[in-house]
Amino acid sequence: MHAVEDLVERVLGTSPLPRDDNDVTLLLLGLRRQLPHLEQLLEATDPDLVSQARRIREEPAPEERMPLVILTIRLAEIAHALIDALPVNALSRRTDTQGPLPSDGQAVVGHQNLAEPELVKTEPMPLPTLARSSAPGPTRTPAQHRSSRATELVSAAAGSLGDCGPPA
């Protein structure tokens, strides 16, 4: 659930949408991938909203930038409406009092799911610190690494390039 909330925040939040069409397309695809789960949770209680979400989700992806941005925003808005329509007991939802969002320039270490009380404790970790820490799992080879807006932000937050670059 947090994945769709984070996508909605990236699209509808105060930060501008990415300038790169590929990044906007990735947001669109991420929202399309997350919506069916929300639709399934609300199918019995709010069929009209679910029907509207399906119509928007199934629209073909436009070729031009502005229609692509508009569709991405519409998907984020319908995802937001679906999240708001969820019954309180369906799953825990993030609120402003539950701590920082990853989009606030902080990473949340831990899990914020109230259904798993042993994982409720979270601590904010600045992204530069997180970028320098090792992550569990296999190491990625350089061929697997892809530059993204998030890695650019982490890199920028970690420090400036200073005197790096060609000599003057």
N, C-alpha and C. Protein backbone atom coordinates (compact mmCIF):
# COMPACT_ATOMS: atom_id res chain seq x y z
N MET A 1 0.82 -1.19 0.00
CA MET A 1 0.00 0.00 0.00
C MET A 1 0.86 1.25 0.00
N HIS A 2 2.00 1.16 0.70
CA HIS A 2 2.86 2.34 0.77
C HIS A 2 3.41 2.71 -0.60
N ALA A 3 3.56 1.72 -1.46
CA ALA A 3 4.10 1.99 -2.81
C ALA A 3 3.16 2.91 -3.58
N VAL A 4 1.87 2.63 -3.53
CA VAL A 4 0.92 3.47 -4.26
C VAL A 4 0.82 4.85 -3.61
N GLU A 5 0.90 4.91 -2.28
CA GLU A 5 0.87 6.21 -1.61
C GLU A 5 2.08 7.05 -2.01
N ASP A 6 3.23 6.41 -2.10
CA ASP A 6 4.44 7.13 -2.51
C ASP A 6 4.34 7.62 -3.95
N LEU A 7 3.77 6.78 -4.83
CA LEU A 7 3.58 7.20 -6.22
C LEU A 7 2.64 8.39 -6.31
N VAL A 8 1.55 8.33 -5.56
CA VAL A 8 0.59 9.44 -5.54
C VAL A 8 1.27 10.71 -5.05
N GLU A 9 2.09 10.59 -4.00
CA GLU A 9 2.81 11.75 -3.47
C GLU A 9 3.78 12.31 -4.51
N ARG A 10 4.44 11.45 -5.26
CA ARG A 10 5.37 11.93 -6.29
C ARG A 10 4.66 12.68 -7.40
N VAL A 11 3.43 12.26 -7.71
CA VAL A 11 2.68 12.91 -8.79
C VAL A 11 1.93 14.14 -8.30
N LEU A 12 1.26 14.03 -7.17
CA LEU A 12 0.40 15.11 -6.70
C LEU A 12 1.06 16.01 -5.66
N GLY A 13 2.25 15.65 -5.19
CA GLY A 13 2.94 16.43 -4.17
C GLY A 13 3.43 17.77 -4.71
N THR A 14 4.18 18.47 -3.89
CA THR A 14 4.64 19.80 -4.26
C THR A 14 5.81 19.79 -5.23
N SER A 15 6.51 18.67 -5.33
CA SER A 15 7.63 18.60 -6.28
C SER A 15 7.09 18.49 -7.70
N PRO A 16 7.78 19.11 -8.65
CA PRO A 16 7.32 19.00 -10.04
C PRO A 16 7.53 17.58 -10.58
N LEU A 17 6.73 17.23 -11.57
CA LEU A 17 6.90 15.94 -12.22
C LEU A 17 8.24 15.93 -12.94
N PRO A 18 8.82 14.75 -13.14
CA PRO A 18 10.09 14.68 -13.87
C PRO A 18 9.95 15.27 -15.27
N ARG A 19 11.05 15.81 -15.78
CA ARG A 19 11.04 16.37 -17.13
C ARG A 19 11.17 15.30 -18.18
N ASP A 20 11.76 14.19 -17.83
CA ASP A 20 12.00 13.11 -18.78
C ASP A 20 10.71 12.30 -18.98
N ASP A 21 10.31 12.14 -20.24
CA ASP A 21 9.09 11.38 -20.55
C ASP A 21 9.16 9.95 -20.03
N ASN A 22 10.35 9.35 -20.04
CA ASN A 22 10.49 7.98 -19.55
C ASN A 22 10.16 7.90 -18.06
N ASP A 23 10.59 8.90 -17.29
CA ASP A 23 10.28 8.91 -15.86
C ASP A 23 8.78 9.09 -15.61
N VAL A 24 8.13 9.93 -16.41
CA VAL A 24 6.68 10.11 -16.28
C VAL A 24 5.98 8.80 -16.65
N THR A 25 6.47 8.14 -17.69
CA THR A 25 5.90 6.85 -18.10
C THR A 25 6.06 5.82 -17.00
N LEU A 26 7.19 5.82 -16.31
CA LEU A 26 7.39 4.88 -15.20
C LEU A 26 6.41 5.15 -14.06
N LEU A 27 6.14 6.42 -13.78
CA LEU A 27 5.13 6.75 -12.77
C LEU A 27 3.76 6.23 -13.19
N LEU A 28 3.43 6.45 -14.46
CA LEU A 28 2.15 5.99 -15.01
C LEU A 28 2.03 4.47 -14.89
N LEU A 29 3.08 3.76 -15.28
CA LEU A 29 3.06 2.30 -15.21
C LEU A 29 2.99 1.81 -13.76
N GLY A 30 3.70 2.49 -12.87
CA GLY A 30 3.65 2.11 -11.46
C GLY A 30 2.25 2.26 -10.89
N LEU A 31 1.58 3.36 -11.22
CA LEU A 31 0.21 3.55 -10.76
C LEU A 31 -0.71 2.49 -11.35
N ARG A 32 -0.55 2.22 -12.65
CA ARG A 32 -1.39 1.19 -13.29
C ARG A 32 -1.19 -0.17 -12.64
N ARG A 33 0.01 -0.46 -12.21
CA ARG A 33 0.31 -1.75 -11.60
C ARG A 33 -0.30 -1.85 -10.20
N GLN A 34 -0.41 -0.73 -9.49
CA GLN A 34 -0.90 -0.75 -8.11
C GLN A 34 -2.42 -0.65 -8.00
N LEU A 35 -3.08 -0.04 -8.98
CA LEU A 35 -4.52 0.20 -8.88
C LEU A 35 -5.38 -1.07 -8.78
N PRO A 36 -5.07 -2.15 -9.49
CA PRO A 36 -5.95 -3.33 -9.39
C PRO A 36 -6.13 -3.85 -7.96
N HIS A 37 -5.09 -3.76 -7.14
CA HIS A 37 -5.21 -4.21 -5.75
C HIS A 37 -6.21 -3.34 -4.99
N LEU A 38 -6.12 -2.03 -5.18
CA LEU A 38 -7.08 -1.13 -4.52
C LEU A 38 -8.49 -1.37 -5.04
N GLU A 39 -8.60 -1.57 -6.35
CA GLU A 39 -9.92 -1.82 -6.95
C GLU A 39 -10.54 -3.07 -6.35
N GLN A 40 -9.73 -4.09 -6.17
CA GLN A 40 -10.23 -5.36 -5.61
C GLN A 40 -10.73 -5.16 -4.18
N LEU A 41 -10.03 -4.35 -3.39
CA LEU A 41 -10.44 -4.11 -2.01
C LEU A 41 -11.77 -3.36 -1.92
N LEU A 42 -12.08 -2.55 -2.93
CA LEU A 42 -13.28 -1.70 -2.88
C LEU A 42 -14.40 -2.17 -3.79
N GLU A 43 -14.21 -3.27 -4.49
CA GLU A 43 -15.19 -3.71 -5.48
C GLU A 43 -16.59 -3.87 -4.89
N ALA A 44 -16.69 -4.40 -3.70
CA ALA A 44 -18.01 -4.64 -3.10
C ALA A 44 -18.60 -3.38 -2.47
N THR A 45 -17.75 -2.49 -1.97
CA THR A 45 -18.26 -1.33 -1.22
C THR A 45 -18.45 -0.08 -2.07
N ASP A 46 -17.68 0.07 -3.14
CA ASP A 46 -17.79 1.29 -3.96
C ASP A 46 -17.59 0.95 -5.44
N PRO A 47 -18.55 0.22 -6.04
CA PRO A 47 -18.37 -0.23 -7.42
C PRO A 47 -18.27 0.91 -8.44
N ASP A 48 -18.93 2.05 -8.18
CA ASP A 48 -18.84 3.18 -9.12
C ASP A 48 -17.42 3.75 -9.18
N LEU A 49 -16.80 3.91 -8.03
CA LEU A 49 -15.43 4.41 -7.98
C LEU A 49 -14.47 3.42 -8.63
N VAL A 50 -14.69 2.14 -8.39
CA VAL A 50 -13.85 1.10 -8.99
C VAL A 50 -14.00 1.11 -10.51
N SER A 51 -15.22 1.26 -10.98
CA SER A 51 -15.46 1.33 -12.42
C SER A 51 -14.76 2.53 -13.05
N GLN A 52 -14.83 3.66 -12.39
CA GLN A 52 -14.16 4.87 -12.87
C GLN A 52 -12.64 4.65 -12.90
N ALA A 53 -12.11 4.02 -11.86
CA ALA A 53 -10.66 3.75 -11.80
C ALA A 53 -10.24 2.83 -12.94
N ARG A 54 -11.03 1.81 -13.21
CA ARG A 54 -10.69 0.88 -14.30
C ARG A 54 -10.69 1.59 -15.65
N ARG A 55 -11.69 2.45 -15.87
CA ARG A 55 -11.74 3.18 -17.15
C ARG A 55 -10.49 4.03 -17.34
N ILE A 56 -10.10 4.75 -16.31
CA ILE A 56 -8.91 5.61 -16.42
C ILE A 56 -7.66 4.75 -16.58
N ARG A 57 -7.56 3.68 -15.80
CA ARG A 57 -6.38 2.81 -15.85
C ARG A 57 -6.20 2.16 -17.21
N GLU A 58 -7.30 1.84 -17.88
CA GLU A 58 -7.23 1.13 -19.16
C GLU A 58 -7.09 2.05 -20.37
N GLU A 59 -7.08 3.36 -20.15
CA GLU A 59 -6.87 4.27 -21.28
C GLU A 59 -5.48 4.03 -21.86
N PRO A 60 -5.35 4.08 -23.19
CA PRO A 60 -4.02 3.87 -23.79
C PRO A 60 -3.08 5.02 -23.42
N ALA A 61 -1.80 4.67 -23.28
CA ALA A 61 -0.79 5.69 -22.96
C ALA A 61 -0.57 6.59 -24.17
N PRO A 62 -0.72 7.89 -24.01
CA PRO A 62 -0.53 8.82 -25.12
C PRO A 62 0.94 8.91 -25.54
N GLU A 63 1.16 9.33 -26.76
CA GLU A 63 2.52 9.49 -27.29
C GLU A 63 3.13 10.83 -26.88
N GLU A 64 2.32 11.87 -26.80
CA GLU A 64 2.83 13.22 -26.53
C GLU A 64 2.92 13.47 -25.02
N ARG A 65 3.81 14.39 -24.65
CA ARG A 65 4.12 14.64 -23.24
C ARG A 65 2.92 15.14 -22.43
N MET A 66 2.24 16.18 -22.87
CA MET A 66 1.17 16.75 -22.05
C MET A 66 0.03 15.77 -21.81
N PRO A 67 -0.47 15.06 -22.83
CA PRO A 67 -1.50 14.06 -22.53
C PRO A 67 -0.98 12.96 -21.60
N LEU A 68 0.31 12.63 -21.70
CA LEU A 68 0.91 11.63 -20.81
C LEU A 68 0.91 12.13 -19.37
N VAL A 69 1.28 13.38 -19.18
CA VAL A 69 1.29 13.98 -17.84
C VAL A 69 -0.14 14.05 -17.29
N ILE A 70 -1.09 14.44 -18.13
CA ILE A 70 -2.48 14.55 -17.69
C ILE A 70 -3.02 13.18 -17.26
N LEU A 71 -2.74 12.14 -18.04
CA LEU A 71 -3.20 10.80 -17.67
C LEU A 71 -2.54 10.34 -16.37
N THR A 72 -1.27 10.64 -16.19
CA THR A 72 -0.57 10.27 -14.96
C THR A 72 -1.21 10.97 -13.76
N ILE A 73 -1.53 12.23 -13.91
CA ILE A 73 -2.18 12.98 -12.82
C ILE A 73 -3.56 12.40 -12.54
N ARG A 74 -4.32 12.07 -13.58
CA ARG A 74 -5.65 11.48 -13.38
C ARG A 74 -5.55 10.15 -12.65
N LEU A 75 -4.54 9.34 -13.00
CA LEU A 75 -4.34 8.06 -12.31
C LEU A 75 -4.00 8.28 -10.84
N ALA A 76 -3.15 9.26 -10.56
CA ALA A 76 -2.80 9.56 -9.17
C ALA A 76 -4.02 10.05 -8.40
N GLU A 77 -4.85 10.87 -9.03
CA GLU A 77 -6.05 11.37 -8.36
C GLU A 77 -7.02 10.24 -8.05
N ILE A 78 -7.21 9.32 -8.99
CA ILE A 78 -8.13 8.22 -8.74
C ILE A 78 -7.55 7.26 -7.70
N ALA A 79 -6.24 7.08 -7.71
CA ALA A 79 -5.59 6.25 -6.68
C ALA A 79 -5.79 6.88 -5.31
N HIS A 80 -5.66 8.19 -5.24
CA HIS A 80 -5.88 8.91 -3.99
C HIS A 80 -7.32 8.73 -3.52
N ALA A 81 -8.27 8.82 -4.44
CA ALA A 81 -9.69 8.63 -4.09
C ALA A 81 -9.94 7.20 -3.60
N LEU A 82 -9.30 6.22 -4.24
CA LEU A 82 -9.45 4.83 -3.81
C LEU A 82 -8.88 4.63 -2.41
N ILE A 83 -7.72 5.20 -2.15
CA ILE A 83 -7.11 5.08 -0.82
C ILE A 83 -8.01 5.71 0.23
N ASP A 84 -8.56 6.89 -0.09
CA ASP A 84 -9.45 7.56 0.86
C ASP A 84 -10.74 6.78 1.10
N ALA A 85 -11.17 6.00 0.12
CA ALA A 85 -12.42 5.25 0.25
C ALA A 85 -12.24 3.92 0.99
N LEU A 86 -11.00 3.52 1.23
CA LEU A 86 -10.77 2.26 1.93
C LEU A 86 -11.32 2.33 3.34
N PRO A 87 -11.95 1.24 3.80
CA PRO A 87 -12.38 1.20 5.19
C PRO A 87 -11.16 1.29 6.10
N VAL A 88 -11.33 1.90 7.25
CA VAL A 88 -10.21 2.10 8.17
C VAL A 88 -9.57 0.77 8.56
N ASN A 89 -10.36 -0.27 8.70
CA ASN A 89 -9.81 -1.56 9.13
C ASN A 89 -9.22 -2.37 7.98
N ALA A 90 -9.30 -1.89 6.74
CA ALA A 90 -8.77 -2.65 5.61
C ALA A 90 -7.26 -2.79 5.71
N LEU A 91 -6.59 -1.74 6.05
CA LEU A 91 -5.15 -1.74 6.25
C LEU A 91 -4.75 -0.42 6.84
N SER A 92 -3.58 -0.40 7.43
CA SER A 92 -3.14 0.86 8.03
C SER A 92 -2.77 1.83 6.93
N ARG A 93 -3.14 3.08 7.14
CA ARG A 93 -2.82 4.11 6.14
C ARG A 93 -1.91 5.13 6.79
N ARG A 94 -1.04 5.69 5.99
CA ARG A 94 -0.08 6.68 6.46
C ARG A 94 -0.80 8.01 6.69
N THR A 95 -0.42 8.68 7.77
CA THR A 95 -0.93 10.03 8.02
C THR A 95 0.25 10.94 8.28
N ASP A 96 -0.02 12.22 8.39
CA ASP A 96 1.06 13.18 8.63
C ASP A 96 1.76 12.95 9.96
N THR A 97 1.09 12.31 10.92
CA THR A 97 1.70 12.12 12.23
C THR A 97 2.53 10.86 12.29
N GLN A 98 2.56 10.05 11.25
CA GLN A 98 3.28 8.79 11.31
C GLN A 98 4.73 8.91 10.89
N GLY A 99 5.22 10.06 10.60
CA GLY A 99 6.64 10.16 10.28
C GLY A 99 6.86 10.63 8.86
N PRO A 100 8.12 10.72 8.51
CA PRO A 100 8.46 11.29 7.20
C PRO A 100 8.16 10.35 6.05
N LEU A 101 7.87 10.94 4.92
CA LEU A 101 7.73 10.19 3.68
C LEU A 101 9.09 10.15 3.00
N PRO A 102 9.37 9.14 2.19
CA PRO A 102 10.62 9.15 1.44
C PRO A 102 10.76 10.40 0.59
N SER A 103 9.66 10.97 0.14
CA SER A 103 9.74 12.17 -0.68
C SER A 103 10.10 13.41 0.13
N ASP A 104 10.17 13.30 1.47
CA ASP A 104 10.58 14.41 2.31
C ASP A 104 12.09 14.52 2.41
N GLY A 105 12.82 13.74 1.62
CA GLY A 105 14.27 13.75 1.69
C GLY A 105 14.80 12.85 2.78
N GLN A 106 13.95 11.96 3.29
CA GLN A 106 14.35 11.03 4.34
C GLN A 106 13.91 9.64 3.91
N ALA A 107 14.61 8.65 4.36
CA ALA A 107 14.21 7.27 4.12
C ALA A 107 13.72 6.73 5.45
N VAL A 108 12.70 5.92 5.41
CA VAL A 108 12.17 5.34 6.62
C VAL A 108 12.72 3.94 6.75
N VAL A 109 13.41 3.69 7.85
CA VAL A 109 13.98 2.38 8.10
C VAL A 109 13.01 1.64 8.98
N GLY A 110 12.52 0.51 8.52
CA GLY A 110 11.55 -0.25 9.28
C GLY A 110 10.26 -0.37 8.50
N HIS A 111 9.22 -0.75 9.17
CA HIS A 111 7.94 -1.00 8.52
C HIS A 111 6.87 -0.28 9.33
N GLN A 112 5.91 0.35 8.68
CA GLN A 112 4.89 1.09 9.40
C GLN A 112 3.54 0.38 9.36
N ASN A 113 3.53 -0.91 9.37
CA ASN A 113 2.30 -1.67 9.29
C ASN A 113 1.82 -2.00 10.70
N LEU A 114 0.67 -1.50 11.07
CA LEU A 114 0.15 -1.74 12.41
C LEU A 114 -0.28 -3.19 12.62
N ALA A 115 -0.44 -3.94 11.55
CA ALA A 115 -0.80 -5.35 11.68
C ALA A 115 0.39 -6.16 12.18
N GLU A 116 1.60 -5.62 12.09
CA GLU A 116 2.80 -6.30 12.55
C GLU A 116 3.45 -5.42 13.62
N PRO A 117 2.99 -5.50 14.88
CA PRO A 117 3.44 -4.56 15.90
C PRO A 117 4.95 -4.57 16.13
N GLU A 118 5.60 -5.70 15.89
CA GLU A 118 7.04 -5.74 16.12
C GLU A 118 7.81 -4.89 15.11
N LEU A 119 7.16 -4.48 14.03
CA LEU A 119 7.82 -3.69 13.01
C LEU A 119 7.33 -2.24 12.97
N VAL A 120 6.62 -1.82 14.01
CA VAL A 120 6.05 -0.47 14.00
C VAL A 120 7.12 0.60 14.16
N LYS A 121 8.18 0.32 14.90
CA LYS A 121 9.20 1.35 15.17
C LYS A 121 9.95 1.69 13.89
N THR A 122 9.98 2.95 13.60
CA THR A 122 10.72 3.43 12.44
C THR A 122 11.63 4.55 12.89
N GLU A 123 12.64 4.78 12.12
CA GLU A 123 13.50 5.92 12.40
C GLU A 123 13.85 6.59 11.09
N PRO A 124 13.79 7.91 11.07
CA PRO A 124 14.17 8.60 9.83
C PRO A 124 15.68 8.52 9.65
N MET A 125 16.09 8.36 8.41
CA MET A 125 17.51 8.32 8.09
C MET A 125 17.73 9.23 6.90
N PRO A 126 18.59 10.24 7.04
CA PRO A 126 18.84 11.13 5.90
C PRO A 126 19.33 10.33 4.69
N LEU A 127 18.88 10.72 3.50
CA LEU A 127 19.24 9.98 2.30
C LEU A 127 20.75 9.88 2.08
N PRO A 128 21.56 10.93 2.36
CA PRO A 128 23.00 10.76 2.16
C PRO A 128 23.58 9.64 3.03
N THR A 129 23.07 9.51 4.26
CA THR A 129 23.52 8.43 5.13
C THR A 129 23.09 7.09 4.57
N LEU A 130 21.86 7.02 4.12
CA LEU A 130 21.35 5.78 3.53
C LEU A 130 22.15 5.40 2.30
N ALA A 131 22.53 6.38 1.50
CA ALA A 131 23.28 6.09 0.28
C ALA A 131 24.64 5.49 0.59
N ARG A 132 25.22 5.86 1.74
CA ARG A 132 26.53 5.33 2.10
C ARG A 132 26.45 4.01 2.83
N SER A 133 25.27 3.60 3.29
CA SER A 133 25.14 2.35 4.02
C SER A 133 24.94 1.20 3.06
N SER A 134 25.32 0.01 3.51
CA SER A 134 25.16 -1.15 2.64
C SER A 134 23.74 -1.68 2.77
N ALA A 135 23.25 -2.21 1.69
CA ALA A 135 21.89 -2.74 1.66
C ALA A 135 21.96 -4.25 1.67
N PRO A 136 20.96 -4.91 2.27
CA PRO A 136 20.95 -6.37 2.23
C PRO A 136 20.70 -6.86 0.81
N GLY A 137 21.14 -8.06 0.54
CA GLY A 137 20.90 -8.65 -0.77
C GLY A 137 22.15 -8.66 -1.61
N PRO A 138 22.03 -9.21 -2.82
CA PRO A 138 23.20 -9.32 -3.68
C PRO A 138 23.66 -7.96 -4.18
N THR A 139 24.95 -7.86 -4.41
CA THR A 139 25.52 -6.63 -4.92
C THR A 139 25.19 -6.50 -6.40
N ARG A 140 24.86 -5.28 -6.81
CA ARG A 140 24.55 -5.04 -8.22
C ARG A 140 25.84 -4.76 -8.97
N THR A 141 25.95 -5.35 -10.12
CA THR A 141 27.11 -5.06 -10.96
C THR A 141 26.86 -3.74 -11.66
N PRO A 142 27.93 -3.06 -12.12
CA PRO A 142 27.73 -1.77 -12.79
C PRO A 142 26.79 -1.85 -13.98
N ALA A 143 26.74 -2.98 -14.66
CA ALA A 143 25.86 -3.11 -15.83
C ALA A 143 24.39 -3.06 -15.42
N GLN A 144 24.09 -3.44 -14.16
CA GLN A 144 22.70 -3.45 -13.71
C GLN A 144 22.25 -2.09 -13.20
N HIS A 145 23.18 -1.19 -12.92
CA HIS A 145 22.84 0.10 -12.35
C HIS A 145 22.17 0.99 -13.39
N ARG A 146 21.10 1.63 -12.99
CA ARG A 146 20.40 2.59 -13.87
C ARG A 146 20.28 3.90 -13.12
N SER A 147 20.59 4.96 -13.80
CA SER A 147 20.46 6.27 -13.18
C SER A 147 18.97 6.63 -13.11
N SER A 148 18.58 7.21 -12.01
CA SER A 148 17.20 7.64 -11.86
C SER A 148 17.19 8.97 -11.12
N ARG A 149 16.03 9.58 -11.07
CA ARG A 149 15.89 10.85 -10.37
C ARG A 149 16.25 10.68 -8.90
N ALA A 150 15.87 9.54 -8.31
CA ALA A 150 16.16 9.31 -6.90
C ALA A 150 17.67 9.22 -6.66
N THR A 151 18.39 8.51 -7.54
CA THR A 151 19.84 8.41 -7.34
C THR A 151 20.51 9.75 -7.57
N GLU A 152 19.98 10.54 -8.48
CA GLU A 152 20.54 11.87 -8.69
C GLU A 152 20.34 12.73 -7.45
N LEU A 153 19.16 12.62 -6.82
CA LEU A 153 18.89 13.40 -5.61
C LEU A 153 19.78 12.95 -4.46
N VAL A 154 19.95 11.63 -4.32
CA VAL A 154 20.82 11.11 -3.26
C VAL A 154 22.24 11.60 -3.49
N SER A 155 22.68 11.54 -4.73
CA SER A 155 24.02 11.98 -5.08
C SER A 155 24.20 13.47 -4.78
N ALA A 156 23.20 14.26 -5.13
CA ALA A 156 23.28 15.71 -4.89
C ALA A 156 23.26 16.01 -3.40
N ALA A 157 22.46 15.25 -2.65
CA ALA A 157 22.37 15.48 -1.21
C ALA A 157 23.64 15.04 -0.48
N ALA A 158 24.37 14.09 -1.05
CA ALA A 158 25.58 13.57 -0.41
C ALA A 158 26.71 14.60 -0.42
N GLY A 159 26.67 15.52 -1.31
CA GLY A 159 27.71 16.55 -1.35
C GLY A 159 27.94 17.03 -2.76
N SER A 160 28.55 18.19 -2.85
CA SER A 160 28.81 18.74 -4.17
C SER A 160 30.04 18.11 -4.77
N LEU A 161 30.25 18.33 -6.04
CA LEU A 161 31.41 17.79 -6.72
C LEU A 161 32.67 18.58 -6.39
N GLY A 162 32.51 19.74 -5.82
CA GLY A 162 33.66 20.54 -5.40
C GLY A 162 34.58 20.85 -6.56
N ASP A 163 35.83 20.43 -6.46
CA ASP A 163 36.82 20.73 -7.48
C ASP A 163 36.93 19.65 -8.54
N CYS A 164 35.99 18.75 -8.59
CA CYS A 164 36.03 17.69 -9.61
C CYS A 164 35.74 18.29 -10.98
N GLY A 165 36.28 17.69 -11.98
CA GLY A 165 36.02 18.15 -13.33
C GLY A 165 37.30 18.49 -14.05
N PRO A 166 37.19 18.91 -15.28
CA PRO A 166 38.38 19.21 -16.07
C PRO A 166 39.07 20.46 -15.53
N PRO A 167 40.40 20.50 -15.65
CA PRO A 167 41.11 21.69 -15.16
C PRO A 167 40.74 22.92 -15.97
N ALA A 168 40.77 24.05 -15.33
CA ALA A 168 40.39 25.31 -16.00
C ALA A 168 41.50 25.82 -16.89
